[in-house]
């Protein structure tokens, strides 16, 4: 099996090094009892999904559900740094890295019982690489053509050798969908069909959507045709059903978990980790991650209401960063479970370049504001998801820190759909945000954060044409040292121009009842329920 120019090894070392610095509290272990088949697991989510199409999507609330509905040709390994067989059982690079042959798994069926064909695979790859379709087309832009060599072999001809193509084929947007069902969906455009299809999606994953009461609950039931086998030699998943209850308020989710109304819940506030660790019926898990938390800054000269935007000035953005004491905010918000960001990408990302970013210096922050024309500071606002304790703790702490340089911060608490709508419309000054890699390569986060032609650099309006050029060049660079130099420069430019406020990276905090076992969250964030079960 091919590997990508040694990046797997590099990422593995980075992963181990980064989280060796974190306190080990309840890291997940292997369940001792034999898995139990049947039954239902109830899981609390902080926000509902929005749109279950893998190609046109960019939201974790969707992505982390879709990994249970759809499969890709390759799958990420559980450590998040390599790839393993998925819908393809083997692959081979030829022609100097410009041809990739993939052997398809035989006998795979979609959740409706229809066989998955090579035509479904070709159509899905052609759809996801269409430049008009979604924010992730750059990840597969190196594909020049997709052809069917036989009913069990797909051939990709690349425009150039691509150092990240295998990782891209394990990323959610390359999921295989049934061509006939999608094309039969109402609508004349791909987007219209996708919206209709996503209401009743059909994939080859372990579960299929049973019901969805938006904002309240979503139910997934086992796919009776799933191809993977469990420890007992029978088809996965073990569970008959997973019910997601949508509970935006952190405290309410934890109360329901303690009362036994939930088997598990995501995004446990860091301030509650020690408390849950002491609960005899709760298992508090901290999974290694690629998660970074930051504040997105709107860099447009004017805001949507037409007013001048102070954040368009690089000195203002630098000042806001210098005014933040990262060690203090990590202690307050994460209870010491985080480490400072040293780039816009996590330290577990391949080709990460470690930097000391904006060591707290209030005097320097004040001087920069004065140079920018704001000697007395200014007023601004920041959006956050209502009910999120970590977000509120972060912003109330930033309020105090920024008050020391005359910046008054208004906190806007919004439901997730409203926040997402305003973010995509670029109608904000700041927003709290977190990022998790979906691919073991720096290309994805860079195209989202720093490559302007994609989504305007986090919808911020920030652009650096040298960064754009370096990103494009990196997509064709197969020499690891040269590619690392390109990404080093990208990260240094981004840090200097500060389109975000750099905060911290943390593990994933997830809590379960002691009898709810087998859940896996990989460093790329995927929530995997295929091996989950509820012990008797």
Protein backbone atom coordinates (compact mmCIF):
# COMPACT_ATOMS: atom_id res chain seq x y z
CA UNK A 1 0.00 0.00 0.00
CA UNK A 2 1.29 3.45 -0.91
CA UNK A 3 2.08 6.15 1.61
CA UNK A 4 2.39 9.87 1.08
CA UNK A 5 6.06 10.84 1.01
CA UNK A 6 6.74 9.99 4.63
CA UNK A 7 4.08 12.35 5.99
CA UNK A 8 2.43 9.56 7.93
CA UNK A 9 5.53 9.12 10.10
CA UNK A 10 5.97 12.88 10.56
CA UNK A 11 2.36 13.33 11.64
CA UNK A 12 2.56 10.39 14.02
CA UNK A 13 5.57 11.88 15.81
CA UNK A 14 3.87 15.28 16.02
CA UNK A 15 0.74 13.72 17.49
CA UNK A 16 2.67 11.94 20.21
CA UNK A 17 4.82 14.96 21.05
CA UNK A 18 1.96 17.44 21.30
CA UNK A 19 -0.25 15.59 23.71
CA UNK A 20 2.52 14.28 25.92
CA UNK A 21 2.31 17.78 27.43
CA UNK A 22 -1.36 17.40 28.34
CA UNK A 23 -2.52 15.97 31.69
CA UNK A 24 -3.81 12.42 31.24
CA UNK A 25 -7.30 12.27 32.72
CA UNK A 26 -9.48 9.36 31.72
CA UNK A 27 -7.97 8.73 28.30
CA UNK A 28 -10.14 6.13 26.56
CA UNK A 29 -9.14 2.51 26.82
CA UNK A 30 -10.24 -0.73 25.24
CA UNK A 31 -13.45 -2.19 26.62
CA UNK A 32 -12.91 -5.48 28.45
CA UNK A 33 -16.33 -7.08 27.99
CA UNK A 34 -17.41 -8.66 24.71
CA UNK A 35 -19.54 -6.21 22.72
CA UNK A 36 -23.30 -6.50 23.12
CA UNK A 37 -25.54 -6.50 20.05
CA UNK A 38 -28.80 -4.59 19.77
CA UNK A 39 -30.34 -1.76 21.69
CA UNK A 40 -30.08 2.01 21.46
CA UNK A 41 -27.48 4.56 22.48
CA UNK A 42 -28.69 8.10 23.28
CA UNK A 43 -26.06 10.79 22.70
CA UNK A 44 -26.32 14.49 23.55
CA UNK A 45 -25.17 17.00 20.93
CA UNK A 46 -24.60 20.72 21.44
CA UNK A 47 -26.12 21.60 18.05
CA UNK A 48 -28.12 19.94 15.31
CA UNK A 49 -26.88 19.04 11.87
CA UNK A 50 -27.80 21.37 9.03
CA UNK A 51 -27.20 19.63 5.70
CA UNK A 52 -26.13 16.01 5.20
CA UNK A 53 -24.47 16.25 1.79
CA UNK A 54 -20.72 15.49 1.93
CA UNK A 55 -19.67 17.60 -1.07
CA UNK A 56 -21.28 20.98 -0.39
CA UNK A 57 -20.62 20.90 3.34
CA UNK A 58 -18.16 22.61 5.69
CA UNK A 59 -19.71 22.19 9.17
CA UNK A 60 -18.56 19.76 11.84
CA UNK A 61 -22.14 19.35 13.05
CA UNK A 62 -22.76 17.65 9.70
CA UNK A 63 -19.39 16.05 9.01
CA UNK A 64 -19.25 14.11 12.28
CA UNK A 65 -22.68 12.58 11.56
CA UNK A 66 -21.96 11.88 7.89
CA UNK A 67 -18.98 9.69 8.79
CA UNK A 68 -21.60 7.26 10.13
CA UNK A 69 -23.74 7.42 6.99
CA UNK A 70 -21.19 7.41 4.17
CA UNK A 71 -17.92 5.67 3.34
CA UNK A 72 -14.91 6.79 1.32
CA UNK A 73 -12.54 4.76 -0.85
CA UNK A 74 -9.90 4.97 1.86
CA UNK A 75 -10.50 5.51 5.56
CA UNK A 76 -8.35 7.34 8.09
CA UNK A 77 -6.60 5.15 10.63
CA UNK A 78 -7.78 5.54 14.22
CA UNK A 79 -4.67 7.57 15.06
CA UNK A 80 -5.68 10.03 12.33
CA UNK A 81 -2.32 10.03 10.57
CA UNK A 82 -2.57 7.27 7.98
CA UNK A 83 -5.04 5.64 5.63
CA UNK A 84 -6.48 2.14 5.52
CA UNK A 85 -8.77 0.21 3.17
CA UNK A 86 -12.34 1.44 2.88
CA UNK A 87 -14.48 0.97 -0.19
CA UNK A 88 -11.17 0.27 -1.93
CA UNK A 89 -9.24 -2.76 -0.65
CA UNK A 90 -5.90 -1.82 -2.21
CA UNK A 91 -4.27 0.92 -4.25
CA UNK A 92 -1.14 1.42 -6.29
CA UNK A 93 0.66 4.49 -7.59
CA UNK A 94 2.15 4.21 -11.09
CA UNK A 95 3.63 6.40 -13.81
CA UNK A 96 5.81 8.41 -11.47
CA UNK A 97 2.93 9.24 -9.14
CA UNK A 98 0.58 10.43 -11.90
CA UNK A 99 -1.66 7.35 -12.04
CA UNK A 100 -3.49 5.82 -9.09
CA UNK A 101 -5.26 2.46 -9.43
CA UNK A 102 -7.82 1.52 -6.76
CA UNK A 103 -9.35 -1.94 -6.41
CA UNK A 104 -12.96 -1.71 -5.24
CA UNK A 105 -14.34 -3.87 -2.44
CA UNK A 106 -16.72 -6.44 -3.88
CA UNK A 107 -20.25 -7.01 -2.63
CA UNK A 108 -20.75 -3.55 -1.07
CA UNK A 109 -24.35 -2.35 -0.95
CA UNK A 110 -25.96 0.96 -0.19
CA UNK A 111 -28.29 1.15 2.80
CA UNK A 112 -31.30 0.64 0.50
CA UNK A 113 -29.87 -2.68 -0.69
CA UNK A 114 -28.73 -1.49 -4.12
CA UNK A 115 -25.21 -2.61 -5.10
CA UNK A 116 -22.43 -0.01 -5.17
CA UNK A 117 -20.93 0.07 -8.64
CA UNK A 118 -17.79 1.49 -10.23
CA UNK A 119 -20.08 3.99 -11.95
CA UNK A 120 -21.25 5.27 -8.54
CA UNK A 121 -17.61 5.74 -7.53
CA UNK A 122 -16.63 7.56 -10.73
CA UNK A 123 -19.71 9.80 -10.57
CA UNK A 124 -19.08 10.64 -6.88
CA UNK A 125 -15.43 11.57 -7.52
CA UNK A 126 -16.34 13.63 -10.57
CA UNK A 127 -18.98 15.46 -8.56
CA UNK A 128 -16.69 16.25 -5.61
CA UNK A 129 -13.89 17.55 -7.88
CA UNK A 130 -16.21 19.83 -9.86
CA UNK A 131 -14.79 23.33 -9.23
CA UNK A 132 -18.34 24.65 -8.76
CA UNK A 133 -19.12 22.23 -5.93
CA UNK A 134 -18.29 23.27 -2.40
CA UNK A 135 -15.19 24.52 -0.57
CA UNK A 136 -13.13 21.33 -0.77
CA UNK A 137 -12.57 20.91 -4.50
CA UNK A 138 -8.92 21.94 -4.08
CA UNK A 139 -8.28 18.74 -2.13
CA UNK A 140 -8.93 16.70 -5.28
CA UNK A 141 -8.02 19.32 -7.90
CA UNK A 142 -5.03 17.24 -9.00
CA UNK A 143 -7.36 14.61 -10.50
CA UNK A 144 -7.41 15.06 -14.28
CA UNK A 145 -9.71 12.14 -15.04
CA UNK A 146 -11.51 9.23 -13.41
CA UNK A 147 -12.05 6.10 -15.47
CA UNK A 148 -13.47 2.63 -14.94
CA UNK A 149 -10.91 -0.02 -15.87
CA UNK A 150 -13.19 -2.87 -14.79
CA UNK A 151 -16.19 -3.39 -12.49
CA UNK A 152 -13.70 -3.60 -9.62
CA UNK A 153 -11.04 -1.05 -10.59
CA UNK A 154 -11.05 2.74 -10.75
CA UNK A 155 -8.12 4.63 -12.29
CA UNK A 156 -7.28 8.22 -11.41
CA UNK A 157 -4.99 10.10 -13.78
CA UNK A 158 -3.44 13.09 -12.02
CA UNK A 159 -2.38 16.39 -13.55
CA UNK A 160 0.75 16.16 -11.43
CA UNK A 161 2.02 14.01 -8.55
CA UNK A 162 -0.01 15.01 -5.49
CA UNK A 163 1.48 14.54 -2.00
CA UNK A 164 -1.95 14.51 -0.35
CA UNK A 165 -4.16 12.54 -2.75
CA UNK A 166 -4.40 9.39 -0.58
CA UNK A 167 -5.40 11.43 2.47
CA UNK A 168 -7.93 13.29 0.31
CA UNK A 169 -9.56 10.00 -0.69
CA UNK A 170 -10.14 9.34 3.03
CA UNK A 171 -11.85 12.72 3.54
CA UNK A 172 -15.63 13.12 3.89
CA UNK A 173 -16.20 15.05 0.65
CA UNK A 174 -15.03 12.06 -1.43
CA UNK A 175 -17.76 9.82 0.01
CA UNK A 176 -19.48 7.50 -2.47
CA UNK A 177 -23.18 8.18 -3.11
CA UNK A 178 -25.67 6.29 -5.30
CA UNK A 179 -25.71 8.09 -8.64
CA UNK A 180 -29.25 7.06 -9.64
CA UNK A 181 -30.87 8.16 -6.37
CA UNK A 182 -29.08 11.49 -6.32
CA UNK A 183 -29.86 12.31 -9.93
CA UNK A 184 -33.52 11.33 -9.40
CA UNK A 185 -33.84 13.89 -6.59
CA UNK A 186 -35.96 16.99 -7.34
CA UNK A 187 -34.17 20.03 -8.72
CA UNK A 188 -32.31 21.18 -11.79
CA UNK A 189 -28.95 22.14 -10.24
CA UNK A 190 -26.53 20.05 -8.19
CA UNK A 191 -27.24 22.19 -5.14
CA UNK A 192 -31.02 21.77 -5.46
CA UNK A 193 -30.67 18.02 -5.86
CA UNK A 194 -28.25 17.85 -2.93
CA UNK A 195 -30.70 19.65 -0.62
CA UNK A 196 -33.48 17.23 -1.54
CA UNK A 197 -31.26 14.15 -1.37
CA UNK A 198 -29.78 15.15 1.99
CA UNK A 199 -33.21 14.99 3.63
CA UNK A 200 -33.16 11.19 3.12
CA UNK A 201 -29.51 10.36 2.47
CA UNK A 202 -28.40 6.87 1.45
CA UNK A 203 -24.79 5.74 1.82
CA UNK A 204 -22.75 2.63 2.48
CA UNK A 205 -21.91 3.54 6.09
CA UNK A 206 -22.87 1.65 9.24
CA UNK A 207 -26.07 3.62 9.85
CA UNK A 208 -28.88 5.22 7.90
CA UNK A 209 -31.12 8.14 8.80
CA UNK A 210 -34.43 7.03 10.28
CA UNK A 211 -35.99 10.30 11.43
CA UNK A 212 -34.99 13.91 11.94
CA UNK A 213 -36.90 16.45 14.00
CA UNK A 214 -34.78 19.51 13.39
CA UNK A 215 -33.49 21.17 16.51
CA UNK A 216 -34.78 18.33 18.68
CA UNK A 217 -33.46 14.91 17.71
CA UNK A 218 -32.05 12.73 14.93
CA UNK A 219 -32.28 8.96 14.83
CA UNK A 220 -29.92 6.65 12.96
CA UNK A 221 -30.64 2.93 12.58
CA UNK A 222 -28.24 0.16 11.62
CA UNK A 223 -27.58 -0.41 7.94
CA UNK A 224 -28.41 -4.11 7.44
CA UNK A 225 -26.11 -4.23 4.41
CA UNK A 226 -22.97 -2.78 6.03
CA UNK A 227 -19.76 -4.46 4.86
CA UNK A 228 -17.59 -4.33 8.00
CA UNK A 229 -17.52 -7.16 10.53
CA UNK A 230 -17.35 -6.95 14.31
CA UNK A 231 -15.35 -8.97 16.84
CA UNK A 232 -17.97 -11.73 16.66
CA UNK A 233 -17.54 -12.10 12.91
CA UNK A 234 -20.97 -10.66 12.18
CA UNK A 235 -21.79 -7.43 10.39
CA UNK A 236 -21.42 -4.15 12.24
CA UNK A 237 -22.77 -1.99 13.78
CA UNK A 238 -23.55 -3.55 17.15
CA UNK A 239 -26.29 -1.04 17.96
CA UNK A 240 -29.73 -1.11 16.40
CA UNK A 241 -30.11 2.65 16.83
CA UNK A 242 -28.29 5.84 17.79
CA UNK A 243 -30.47 8.73 18.92
CA UNK A 244 -28.94 12.19 18.90
CA UNK A 245 -30.70 14.59 21.27
CA UNK A 246 -30.03 18.26 20.54
CA UNK A 247 -29.31 20.04 23.83
CA UNK A 248 -27.43 23.34 23.29
CA UNK A 249 -27.02 24.12 26.99
CA UNK A 250 -23.94 22.40 28.41
CA UNK A 251 -25.29 22.15 31.96
CA UNK A 252 -28.53 20.54 30.81
CA UNK A 253 -26.66 17.92 28.79
CA UNK A 254 -24.55 17.00 31.81
CA UNK A 255 -27.58 16.83 34.11
CA UNK A 256 -29.23 14.40 31.69
CA UNK A 257 -26.03 12.35 31.50
CA UNK A 258 -25.82 12.10 35.29
CA UNK A 259 -29.50 11.15 35.49
CA UNK A 260 -29.00 8.35 32.98
CA UNK A 261 -31.17 9.98 30.31
CA UNK A 262 -28.13 10.13 28.00
CA UNK A 263 -25.51 7.45 27.44
CA UNK A 264 -22.95 10.02 26.32
CA UNK A 265 -22.38 13.62 25.37
CA UNK A 266 -19.91 15.72 23.37
CA UNK A 267 -18.07 18.99 24.10
CA UNK A 268 -17.96 18.66 27.86
CA UNK A 269 -16.91 22.06 29.26
CA UNK A 270 -13.31 21.85 30.42
CA UNK A 271 -14.35 23.37 33.72
CA UNK A 272 -16.44 20.23 34.40
CA UNK A 273 -13.86 17.56 33.50
CA UNK A 274 -12.52 16.98 37.02
CA UNK A 275 -16.04 16.85 38.44
CA UNK A 276 -17.13 14.19 35.94
CA UNK A 277 -13.92 12.25 36.47
CA UNK A 278 -15.01 11.78 40.09
CA UNK A 279 -18.50 10.50 39.20
CA UNK A 280 -18.69 6.74 39.83
CA UNK A 281 -21.16 6.06 37.00
CA UNK A 282 -19.46 8.33 34.42
CA UNK A 283 -16.42 7.71 32.23
CA UNK A 284 -14.70 10.97 31.33
CA UNK A 285 -12.68 10.64 28.11
CA UNK A 286 -10.07 12.99 26.64
CA UNK A 287 -9.28 11.93 23.08
CA UNK A 288 -6.11 13.16 21.29
CA UNK A 289 -7.13 15.73 18.74
CA UNK A 290 -6.24 18.18 16.00
CA UNK A 291 -8.50 20.81 17.56
CA UNK A 292 -7.52 24.49 17.74
CA UNK A 293 -9.70 27.20 19.30
CA UNK A 294 -9.38 30.81 18.15
CA UNK A 295 -11.32 34.00 17.42
CA UNK A 296 -12.06 34.76 13.77
CA UNK A 297 -11.60 38.45 12.93
CA UNK A 298 -13.46 40.23 10.14
CA UNK A 299 -10.73 41.97 8.12
CA UNK A 300 -12.91 43.78 5.56
CA UNK A 301 -12.47 47.60 5.49
CA UNK A 302 -16.16 48.01 6.30
CA UNK A 303 -18.65 45.87 8.17
CA UNK A 304 -21.94 44.76 6.63
CA UNK A 305 -23.76 47.74 8.16
CA UNK A 306 -21.39 50.07 6.32
CA UNK A 307 -19.39 51.22 9.34
CA UNK A 308 -15.60 51.38 9.30
CA UNK A 309 -13.97 48.23 10.66
CA UNK A 310 -11.01 48.72 13.03
CA UNK A 311 -10.05 45.04 12.57
CA UNK A 312 -9.06 45.72 8.96
CA UNK A 313 -5.90 47.31 10.36
CA UNK A 314 -3.16 44.72 10.92
CA UNK A 315 -1.80 46.68 13.90
CA UNK A 316 -5.19 46.43 15.62
CA UNK A 317 -5.26 42.68 15.05
CA UNK A 318 -1.74 42.36 16.41
CA UNK A 319 -2.69 44.48 19.42
CA UNK A 320 -5.62 42.23 20.26
CA UNK A 321 -3.29 39.24 20.17
CA UNK A 322 -0.65 40.89 22.34
CA UNK A 323 -3.31 41.78 24.91
CA UNK A 324 -4.20 38.10 25.45
CA UNK A 325 -2.43 36.16 28.18
CA UNK A 326 -2.71 32.65 26.72
CA UNK A 327 -1.47 30.89 29.85
CA UNK A 328 -4.15 32.62 31.91
CA UNK A 329 -6.93 31.91 29.43
CA UNK A 330 -5.87 28.24 29.21
CA UNK A 331 -5.95 28.00 33.01
CA UNK A 332 -9.35 29.69 33.25
CA UNK A 333 -11.14 28.13 30.30
CA UNK A 334 -9.54 24.69 29.89
CA UNK A 335 -8.51 24.16 33.53
CA UNK A 336 -4.98 23.56 32.30
CA UNK A 337 -5.95 20.93 29.71
CA UNK A 338 -4.86 23.04 26.73
CA UNK A 339 -1.59 24.21 25.22
CA UNK A 340 -1.02 27.52 23.38
CA UNK A 341 -1.45 27.59 19.62
CA UNK A 342 1.91 27.86 17.86
CA UNK A 343 0.48 28.27 14.35
CA UNK A 344 -2.98 28.54 12.81
CA UNK A 345 -2.80 24.75 12.43
CA UNK A 346 -2.51 22.32 15.33
CA UNK A 347 0.85 20.92 16.36
CA UNK A 348 -0.44 17.49 15.28
CA UNK A 349 -0.83 18.65 11.66
CA UNK A 350 1.86 17.48 9.22
CA UNK A 351 4.31 20.29 8.32
CA UNK A 352 3.24 22.36 11.32
CA UNK A 353 5.80 25.12 12.00
CA UNK A 354 6.14 25.95 15.69
CA UNK A 355 6.25 29.66 16.56
CA UNK A 356 5.93 31.67 19.76
CA UNK A 357 2.84 33.68 18.92
CA UNK A 358 2.18 37.02 20.60
CA UNK A 359 3.54 36.68 24.11
CA UNK A 360 1.33 38.82 26.36
CA UNK A 361 2.50 42.45 26.33
CA UNK A 362 -0.13 45.05 27.24
CA UNK A 363 2.22 47.98 26.71
CA UNK A 364 3.01 46.82 23.19
CA UNK A 365 -0.69 46.28 22.50
CA UNK A 366 -1.48 49.85 23.58
CA UNK A 367 1.34 51.23 21.43
CA UNK A 368 0.08 49.35 18.38
CA UNK A 369 -3.47 50.67 18.90
CA UNK A 370 -2.12 54.20 19.15
CA UNK A 371 -0.13 53.74 15.92
CA UNK A 372 -3.31 52.43 14.26
CA UNK A 373 -5.24 55.56 15.26
CA UNK A 374 -7.14 54.09 18.23
CA UNK A 375 -5.34 55.49 21.29
CA UNK A 376 -8.51 55.17 23.38
CA UNK A 377 -9.55 51.79 22.00
CA UNK A 378 -12.92 51.04 20.37
CA UNK A 379 -16.06 48.95 20.75
CA UNK A 380 -16.61 45.67 18.96
CA UNK A 381 -18.61 42.44 19.30
CA UNK A 382 -18.07 38.70 19.10
CA UNK A 383 -20.58 35.97 18.22
CA UNK A 384 -20.73 32.67 20.11
CA UNK A 385 -23.08 29.68 20.29
CA UNK A 386 -25.60 30.25 23.08
CA UNK A 387 -25.25 27.86 26.00
CA UNK A 388 -21.61 26.97 25.31
CA UNK A 389 -19.75 27.37 28.60
CA UNK A 390 -16.25 27.23 27.09
CA UNK A 391 -17.18 29.96 24.61
CA UNK A 392 -18.67 32.16 27.34
CA UNK A 393 -15.66 31.64 29.63
CA UNK A 394 -13.35 32.55 26.75
CA UNK A 395 -15.17 35.75 25.86
CA UNK A 396 -15.68 36.98 29.42
CA UNK A 397 -11.94 36.48 29.98
CA UNK A 398 -11.11 38.32 26.76
CA UNK A 399 -13.46 41.14 27.82
CA UNK A 400 -11.29 41.75 30.87
CA UNK A 401 -7.99 41.42 29.02
CA UNK A 402 -9.02 43.73 26.18
CA UNK A 403 -10.53 46.27 28.58
CA UNK A 404 -6.95 46.91 29.73
CA UNK A 405 -6.19 48.38 26.28
CA UNK A 406 -9.51 50.23 25.94
CA UNK A 407 -11.31 47.69 23.74
CA UNK A 408 -14.90 47.09 24.85
CA UNK A 409 -16.28 43.70 23.80
CA UNK A 410 -19.97 42.93 23.44
CA UNK A 411 -20.86 39.22 23.56
CA UNK A 412 -23.54 38.05 21.11
CA UNK A 413 -25.02 34.64 21.99
CA UNK A 414 -26.81 33.05 19.02
CA UNK A 415 -28.25 29.67 18.13
CA UNK A 416 -25.93 27.72 15.82
CA UNK A 417 -27.98 28.07 12.59
CA UNK A 418 -28.20 31.87 13.02
CA UNK A 419 -24.50 32.15 13.82
CA UNK A 420 -23.57 30.01 10.82
CA UNK A 421 -25.78 32.07 8.51
CA UNK A 422 -24.19 35.34 9.61
CA UNK A 423 -20.70 33.87 9.44
CA UNK A 424 -21.15 32.69 5.86
CA UNK A 425 -22.65 36.06 4.94
CA UNK A 426 -19.57 37.72 6.51
CA UNK A 427 -21.92 39.70 8.75
CA UNK A 428 -19.86 39.74 11.95
CA UNK A 429 -16.97 41.48 13.67
CA UNK A 430 -15.61 38.45 15.51
CA UNK A 431 -16.72 34.91 16.27
CA UNK A 432 -15.53 32.16 18.58
CA UNK A 433 -14.45 29.16 16.55
CA UNK A 434 -12.73 25.81 16.64
CA UNK A 435 -11.18 23.80 13.84
CA UNK A 436 -10.50 20.08 13.51
CA UNK A 437 -8.60 18.56 10.60
CA UNK A 438 -10.47 16.11 8.38
CA UNK A 439 -7.31 15.08 6.56
CA UNK A 440 -3.77 14.21 7.62
CA UNK A 441 -2.28 17.01 5.55
CA UNK A 442 -1.94 20.81 5.99
CA UNK A 443 -3.74 21.54 2.72
CA UNK A 444 -7.30 21.45 4.05
CA UNK A 445 -6.86 23.89 6.92
CA UNK A 446 -4.76 26.18 4.73
CA UNK A 447 -7.33 26.35 1.96
CA UNK A 448 -9.95 27.25 4.58
CA UNK A 449 -7.95 29.66 6.74
CA UNK A 450 -5.46 31.29 4.40
CA UNK A 451 -6.15 30.65 0.69
CA UNK A 452 -8.43 33.53 -0.21
CA UNK A 453 -10.03 32.21 -3.47
CA UNK A 454 -11.76 29.40 -1.57
CA UNK A 455 -13.98 31.04 1.08
CA UNK A 456 -12.23 34.35 1.61
CA UNK A 457 -9.99 33.04 4.42
CA UNK A 458 -12.55 32.01 7.04
CA UNK A 459 -15.02 34.48 5.48
CA UNK A 460 -12.78 37.16 7.01
CA UNK A 461 -11.82 38.98 3.81
CA UNK A 462 -8.11 38.67 4.62
CA UNK A 463 -5.87 38.02 1.61
CA UNK A 464 -2.16 37.70 1.02
CA UNK A 465 -1.32 36.91 -2.59
CA UNK A 466 2.03 35.40 -1.70
CA UNK A 467 0.25 32.94 0.60
CA UNK A 468 -2.18 32.11 -2.23
CA UNK A 469 0.74 31.39 -4.57
CA UNK A 470 2.63 29.33 -1.98
CA UNK A 471 -0.46 27.23 -1.30
CA UNK A 472 -0.95 26.45 -4.97
CA UNK A 473 2.73 25.55 -5.37
CA UNK A 474 2.59 23.27 -2.32
CA UNK A 475 -0.15 21.18 -3.92
CA UNK A 476 2.33 20.07 -6.60
CA UNK A 477 5.44 19.76 -4.45
CA UNK A 478 6.35 16.14 -3.70
CA UNK A 479 9.70 16.94 -2.08
CA UNK A 480 8.90 16.96 1.64
CA UNK A 481 11.63 19.47 2.57
CA UNK A 482 10.60 21.93 -0.13
CA UNK A 483 6.93 21.57 0.79
CA UNK A 484 7.79 22.08 4.47
CA UNK A 485 9.60 25.32 3.54
CA UNK A 486 6.53 26.53 1.65
CA UNK A 487 4.28 25.83 4.62
CA UNK A 488 6.76 27.43 7.02
CA UNK A 489 6.51 30.67 5.06
CA UNK A 490 2.70 30.46 4.86
CA UNK A 491 2.47 30.05 8.64
CA UNK A 492 4.90 32.89 9.35
CA UNK A 493 3.03 35.33 7.09
CA UNK A 494 -0.30 34.33 8.60
CA UNK A 495 1.01 34.79 12.14
CA UNK A 496 2.40 38.25 11.34
CA UNK A 497 -0.86 39.48 9.78
CA UNK A 498 -3.03 37.94 12.50
CA UNK A 499 -6.43 37.39 10.84
CA UNK A 500 -7.36 35.44 13.97
CA UNK A 501 -6.71 35.71 17.70
CA UNK A 502 -4.55 32.68 18.47
CA UNK A 503 -5.75 30.84 21.58
CA UNK A 504 -5.18 27.15 22.38
CA UNK A 505 -5.35 23.55 21.25
CA UNK A 506 -7.03 20.88 23.35
CA UNK A 507 -8.08 17.22 23.40
CA UNK A 508 -11.69 16.23 22.70
CA UNK A 509 -13.68 15.99 25.98
CA UNK A 510 -16.43 13.36 25.76
CA UNK A 511 -18.31 11.74 28.67
CA UNK A 512 -20.23 8.45 28.80
CA UNK A 513 -22.12 6.33 31.26
CA UNK A 514 -19.91 3.45 32.39
CA UNK A 515 -22.04 0.90 30.47
CA UNK A 516 -21.79 2.80 27.15
CA UNK A 517 -18.71 1.47 25.41
CA UNK A 518 -16.94 1.21 22.06
CA UNK A 519 -17.33 4.82 20.86
CA UNK A 520 -14.27 6.13 19.01
CA UNK A 521 -13.32 9.73 18.23
CA UNK A 522 -10.20 9.91 16.10
CA UNK A 523 -7.86 12.96 16.10
CA UNK A 524 -9.53 14.13 12.88
CA UNK A 525 -12.73 14.51 14.89
CA UNK A 526 -14.84 11.75 13.34
CA UNK A 527 -17.39 10.42 15.83
CA UNK A 528 -17.59 6.70 15.10
CA UNK A 529 -20.47 4.67 16.51
CA UNK A 530 -20.04 1.51 14.42
CA UNK A 531 -18.39 -0.38 17.31
CA UNK A 532 -20.36 1.33 20.09
CA UNK A 533 -22.67 -0.69 22.33
CA UNK A 534 -24.53 -0.57 25.64
CA UNK A 535 -23.54 -3.28 28.11
CA UNK A 536 -26.31 -5.03 30.03
